[in-house]
Amino acid sequence: MFTALLIASLVAPSGGASATASVDDLQTDFETAIACRQIDGRKVWKGDIAYYIQSYVYEGEAAAADEVADAVLPEDNTPETVKEFEEACALAGSAGPHARK
């Protein structure tokens, strides 16, 4: 299954990805991330480097892909945003990586 990662962070003050994580690092992290509860109807995953949230990518009237995501880097987001992702992923862990579903 092909998965894609759009490198962006949600509400990022710095406007970009972490200086310590490369695009390849984030892509690999996303491919092995664990599925969490949805936030506002969007799929969420937890990786070792970042959280990931389903992107709003459309082709015409329909979503382009289910597993296109934006990286949400804890160091680039507010404590409130990070807490929301932590809570969504609090029960994650038993489902396994999303790419294997």
N, C-alpha and C. Protein backbone atom coordinates (compact mmCIF):
# COMPACT_ATOMS: atom_id res chain seq x y z
N MET A 1 0.85 -1.18 0.00
CA MET A 1 0.00 0.00 0.00
C MET A 1 0.89 1.23 0.00
N PHE A 2 0.60 2.15 -0.89
CA PHE A 2 1.36 3.39 -0.97
C PHE A 2 0.82 4.37 0.06
N THR A 3 1.71 4.93 0.83
CA THR A 3 1.32 5.98 1.75
C THR A 3 2.19 7.20 1.46
N ALA A 4 1.64 8.34 1.72
CA ALA A 4 2.37 9.58 1.45
C ALA A 4 2.33 10.47 2.67
N LEU A 5 3.34 11.27 2.78
CA LEU A 5 3.43 12.19 3.90
C LEU A 5 3.71 13.58 3.37
N LEU A 6 2.85 14.50 3.70
CA LEU A 6 3.10 15.90 3.38
C LEU A 6 3.82 16.50 4.57
N ILE A 7 5.00 17.03 4.33
CA ILE A 7 5.78 17.56 5.44
C ILE A 7 5.29 18.97 5.76
N ALA A 8 4.55 19.03 6.82
CA ALA A 8 4.03 20.29 7.34
C ALA A 8 3.72 20.04 8.79
N SER A 9 3.60 21.07 9.55
CA SER A 9 3.17 20.87 10.92
C SER A 9 1.98 21.75 11.20
N LEU A 10 1.13 21.24 12.05
CA LEU A 10 -0.11 21.91 12.40
C LEU A 10 0.19 23.04 13.37
N VAL A 11 -0.22 24.25 13.05
CA VAL A 11 -0.04 25.42 13.90
C VAL A 11 1.44 25.59 14.27
N ALA A 12 2.31 25.42 13.31
CA ALA A 12 3.74 25.46 13.58
C ALA A 12 4.27 26.89 13.61
N PRO A 13 4.78 27.33 14.76
CA PRO A 13 5.32 28.67 14.83
C PRO A 13 6.51 28.87 13.90
N SER A 14 7.32 27.82 13.71
CA SER A 14 8.50 27.96 12.87
C SER A 14 8.17 27.80 11.41
N GLY A 15 6.97 27.28 11.09
CA GLY A 15 6.55 27.15 9.71
C GLY A 15 7.17 26.00 8.96
N GLY A 16 7.87 25.07 9.64
CA GLY A 16 8.49 23.98 8.91
C GLY A 16 8.72 22.76 9.78
N ALA A 17 9.32 21.76 9.18
CA ALA A 17 9.59 20.51 9.88
C ALA A 17 10.77 20.69 10.83
N SER A 18 10.88 19.77 11.75
CA SER A 18 11.94 19.80 12.74
C SER A 18 13.31 19.78 12.07
N ALA A 19 14.26 20.52 12.64
CA ALA A 19 15.60 20.56 12.09
C ALA A 19 16.31 19.22 12.26
N THR A 20 15.85 18.40 13.20
CA THR A 20 16.51 17.12 13.46
C THR A 20 15.91 15.97 12.67
N ALA A 21 14.77 16.13 12.05
CA ALA A 21 14.11 15.06 11.31
C ALA A 21 14.09 15.38 9.82
N SER A 22 14.63 14.45 9.04
CA SER A 22 14.62 14.65 7.59
C SER A 22 13.28 14.18 7.02
N VAL A 23 13.04 14.50 5.77
CA VAL A 23 11.83 14.04 5.09
C VAL A 23 11.81 12.51 5.09
N ASP A 24 12.94 11.88 4.83
CA ASP A 24 13.00 10.42 4.82
C ASP A 24 12.72 9.84 6.20
N ASP A 25 13.23 10.50 7.25
CA ASP A 25 12.97 10.04 8.62
C ASP A 25 11.48 10.09 8.92
N LEU A 26 10.84 11.19 8.54
CA LEU A 26 9.41 11.34 8.80
C LEU A 26 8.59 10.35 7.97
N GLN A 27 8.97 10.12 6.73
CA GLN A 27 8.25 9.16 5.89
C GLN A 27 8.33 7.76 6.49
N THR A 28 9.51 7.35 6.92
CA THR A 28 9.67 6.03 7.55
C THR A 28 8.88 5.95 8.84
N ASP A 29 8.92 7.01 9.63
CA ASP A 29 8.17 7.05 10.89
C ASP A 29 6.67 6.92 10.63
N PHE A 30 6.17 7.63 9.61
CA PHE A 30 4.75 7.57 9.27
C PHE A 30 4.34 6.17 8.82
N GLU A 31 5.18 5.50 8.06
CA GLU A 31 4.86 4.17 7.55
C GLU A 31 4.74 3.13 8.65
N THR A 32 5.34 3.38 9.80
CA THR A 32 5.26 2.43 10.92
C THR A 32 4.45 2.98 12.09
N ALA A 33 3.81 4.13 11.89
CA ALA A 33 3.04 4.76 12.97
C ALA A 33 1.81 3.93 13.33
N ILE A 34 1.36 4.12 14.56
CA ILE A 34 0.22 3.38 15.11
C ILE A 34 -1.04 4.25 15.01
N ALA A 35 -2.12 3.63 14.58
CA ALA A 35 -3.40 4.34 14.43
C ALA A 35 -3.94 4.75 15.80
N CYS A 36 -4.51 5.94 15.85
CA CYS A 36 -5.13 6.49 17.07
C CYS A 36 -6.59 6.82 16.78
N ARG A 37 -7.26 7.39 17.78
CA ARG A 37 -8.63 7.89 17.56
C ARG A 37 -8.57 9.07 16.61
N GLN A 38 -9.65 9.27 15.90
CA GLN A 38 -9.74 10.41 14.99
C GLN A 38 -9.89 11.72 15.76
N ILE A 39 -9.43 12.79 15.15
CA ILE A 39 -9.63 14.13 15.67
C ILE A 39 -10.41 14.89 14.60
N ASP A 40 -11.58 15.39 14.97
CA ASP A 40 -12.44 16.14 14.05
C ASP A 40 -12.67 15.39 12.74
N GLY A 41 -12.88 14.08 12.83
CA GLY A 41 -13.17 13.26 11.66
C GLY A 41 -11.97 12.93 10.79
N ARG A 42 -10.79 13.27 11.23
CA ARG A 42 -9.56 12.98 10.48
C ARG A 42 -8.76 11.89 11.18
N LYS A 43 -8.23 10.96 10.41
CA LYS A 43 -7.41 9.89 10.97
C LYS A 43 -6.15 10.47 11.59
N VAL A 44 -5.70 9.82 12.68
CA VAL A 44 -4.51 10.26 13.40
C VAL A 44 -3.63 9.03 13.65
N TRP A 45 -2.31 9.24 13.57
CA TRP A 45 -1.35 8.18 13.87
C TRP A 45 -0.27 8.73 14.78
N LYS A 46 0.38 7.83 15.53
CA LYS A 46 1.48 8.23 16.41
C LYS A 46 2.73 7.48 15.98
N GLY A 47 3.77 8.24 15.68
CA GLY A 47 5.06 7.66 15.36
C GLY A 47 6.04 7.92 16.47
N ASP A 48 7.29 7.52 16.26
CA ASP A 48 8.33 7.78 17.25
C ASP A 48 8.82 9.22 17.20
N ILE A 49 8.72 9.85 16.03
CA ILE A 49 9.20 11.22 15.86
C ILE A 49 8.08 12.24 15.99
N ALA A 50 6.92 11.92 15.43
CA ALA A 50 5.83 12.90 15.36
C ALA A 50 4.48 12.21 15.40
N TYR A 51 3.45 13.01 15.56
CA TYR A 51 2.08 12.56 15.32
C TYR A 51 1.78 12.91 13.87
N TYR A 52 0.77 12.25 13.31
CA TYR A 52 0.38 12.50 11.92
C TYR A 52 -1.13 12.62 11.87
N ILE A 53 -1.62 13.54 11.05
CA ILE A 53 -3.06 13.71 10.90
C ILE A 53 -3.40 13.72 9.41
N GLN A 54 -4.49 13.06 9.09
CA GLN A 54 -4.94 12.94 7.70
C GLN A 54 -5.08 14.32 7.08
N SER A 55 -4.50 14.48 5.90
CA SER A 55 -4.54 15.75 5.18
C SER A 55 -5.87 15.92 4.48
N TYR A 56 -6.19 17.15 4.24
CA TYR A 56 -7.33 17.47 3.39
C TYR A 56 -6.79 17.67 1.98
N VAL A 57 -6.71 16.59 1.22
CA VAL A 57 -6.24 16.63 -0.16
C VAL A 57 -7.37 16.09 -1.02
N TYR A 58 -7.81 16.89 -1.96
CA TYR A 58 -8.97 16.51 -2.78
C TYR A 58 -8.64 16.53 -4.25
N GLU A 59 -9.28 15.62 -4.96
CA GLU A 59 -9.27 15.60 -6.42
C GLU A 59 -10.72 15.74 -6.83
N GLY A 60 -11.10 16.93 -7.27
CA GLY A 60 -12.50 17.18 -7.58
C GLY A 60 -13.31 17.21 -6.30
N GLU A 61 -14.33 16.37 -6.21
CA GLU A 61 -15.23 16.34 -5.06
C GLU A 61 -14.82 15.32 -3.99
N ALA A 62 -13.91 14.41 -4.33
CA ALA A 62 -13.57 13.31 -3.41
C ALA A 62 -12.16 13.48 -2.84
N ALA A 63 -11.96 12.89 -1.65
CA ALA A 63 -10.63 12.88 -1.04
C ALA A 63 -9.69 12.11 -1.95
N ALA A 64 -8.48 12.61 -2.11
CA ALA A 64 -7.51 11.99 -3.02
C ALA A 64 -6.99 10.67 -2.46
N ALA A 65 -6.78 10.58 -1.16
CA ALA A 65 -6.24 9.36 -0.56
C ALA A 65 -6.55 9.34 0.93
N ASP A 66 -6.74 8.15 1.47
CA ASP A 66 -7.01 8.01 2.90
C ASP A 66 -5.77 8.24 3.76
N GLU A 67 -4.61 7.88 3.24
CA GLU A 67 -3.42 7.93 4.06
C GLU A 67 -2.39 8.92 3.54
N VAL A 68 -2.83 10.12 3.33
CA VAL A 68 -1.94 11.25 3.08
C VAL A 68 -2.03 12.08 4.34
N ALA A 69 -0.89 12.37 4.94
CA ALA A 69 -0.91 12.98 6.26
C ALA A 69 0.07 14.13 6.39
N ASP A 70 -0.21 14.97 7.35
CA ASP A 70 0.69 16.05 7.75
C ASP A 70 1.38 15.64 9.04
N ALA A 71 2.67 15.93 9.14
CA ALA A 71 3.40 15.67 10.38
C ALA A 71 3.06 16.74 11.39
N VAL A 72 2.84 16.33 12.62
CA VAL A 72 2.58 17.25 13.73
C VAL A 72 3.71 17.04 14.73
N LEU A 73 4.69 17.91 14.68
CA LEU A 73 5.88 17.79 15.52
C LEU A 73 5.65 18.45 16.86
N PRO A 74 5.81 17.70 17.95
CA PRO A 74 5.54 18.28 19.28
C PRO A 74 6.29 19.57 19.56
N GLU A 75 7.54 19.66 19.13
CA GLU A 75 8.33 20.86 19.43
C GLU A 75 7.87 22.09 18.65
N ASP A 76 7.07 21.89 17.61
CA ASP A 76 6.59 23.01 16.79
C ASP A 76 5.14 23.39 17.09
N ASN A 77 4.55 22.82 18.12
CA ASN A 77 3.14 23.06 18.40
C ASN A 77 2.92 23.47 19.84
N THR A 78 1.75 24.02 20.08
CA THR A 78 1.41 24.47 21.43
C THR A 78 1.17 23.27 22.33
N PRO A 79 1.31 23.45 23.64
CA PRO A 79 1.02 22.37 24.56
C PRO A 79 -0.42 21.84 24.41
N GLU A 80 -1.36 22.73 24.11
CA GLU A 80 -2.75 22.31 23.94
C GLU A 80 -2.91 21.38 22.73
N THR A 81 -2.23 21.70 21.64
CA THR A 81 -2.29 20.85 20.44
C THR A 81 -1.67 19.50 20.72
N VAL A 82 -0.52 19.48 21.35
CA VAL A 82 0.16 18.23 21.66
C VAL A 82 -0.70 17.38 22.59
N LYS A 83 -1.34 18.01 23.57
CA LYS A 83 -2.20 17.28 24.50
C LYS A 83 -3.36 16.61 23.77
N GLU A 84 -3.94 17.30 22.78
CA GLU A 84 -5.04 16.72 22.00
C GLU A 84 -4.59 15.45 21.29
N PHE A 85 -3.38 15.47 20.72
CA PHE A 85 -2.86 14.28 20.05
C PHE A 85 -2.50 13.19 21.05
N GLU A 86 -1.94 13.56 22.19
CA GLU A 86 -1.62 12.58 23.22
C GLU A 86 -2.89 11.86 23.68
N GLU A 87 -3.96 12.61 23.88
CA GLU A 87 -5.22 12.01 24.31
C GLU A 87 -5.80 11.10 23.23
N ALA A 88 -5.71 11.50 21.98
CA ALA A 88 -6.23 10.67 20.88
C ALA A 88 -5.45 9.37 20.77
N CYS A 89 -4.19 9.39 21.17
CA CYS A 89 -3.34 8.21 21.04
C CYS A 89 -3.12 7.46 22.35
N ALA A 90 -3.79 7.88 23.41
CA ALA A 90 -3.58 7.26 24.72
C ALA A 90 -3.86 5.77 24.72
N LEU A 91 -4.82 5.31 23.93
CA LEU A 91 -5.15 3.89 23.90
C LEU A 91 -4.53 3.18 22.71
N ALA A 92 -3.71 3.88 21.94
CA ALA A 92 -3.08 3.27 20.76
C ALA A 92 -1.98 2.32 21.22
N GLY A 93 -1.61 1.44 20.35
CA GLY A 93 -0.51 0.55 20.67
C GLY A 93 -0.82 -0.89 20.35
N SER A 94 -2.07 -1.27 20.50
CA SER A 94 -2.42 -2.66 20.25
C SER A 94 -2.85 -2.89 18.79
N ALA A 95 -3.12 -1.81 18.07
CA ALA A 95 -3.63 -1.94 16.70
C ALA A 95 -2.54 -2.23 15.70
N GLY A 96 -1.29 -1.88 15.98
CA GLY A 96 -0.21 -2.09 15.05
C GLY A 96 -0.10 -0.97 14.04
N PRO A 97 0.92 -1.02 13.19
CA PRO A 97 1.12 0.04 12.20
C PRO A 97 -0.03 0.15 11.23
N HIS A 98 -0.36 1.36 10.83
CA HIS A 98 -1.49 1.61 9.92
C HIS A 98 -1.23 1.00 8.55
N ALA A 99 0.00 0.89 8.12
CA ALA A 99 0.30 0.39 6.78
C ALA A 99 -0.04 -1.09 6.65
N ARG A 100 -0.21 -1.78 7.74
CA ARG A 100 -0.50 -3.21 7.69
C ARG A 100 -1.97 -3.52 7.79
N LYS A 101 -2.82 -2.51 7.86
CA LYS A 101 -4.26 -2.73 8.00
C LYS A 101 -4.89 -3.03 6.67
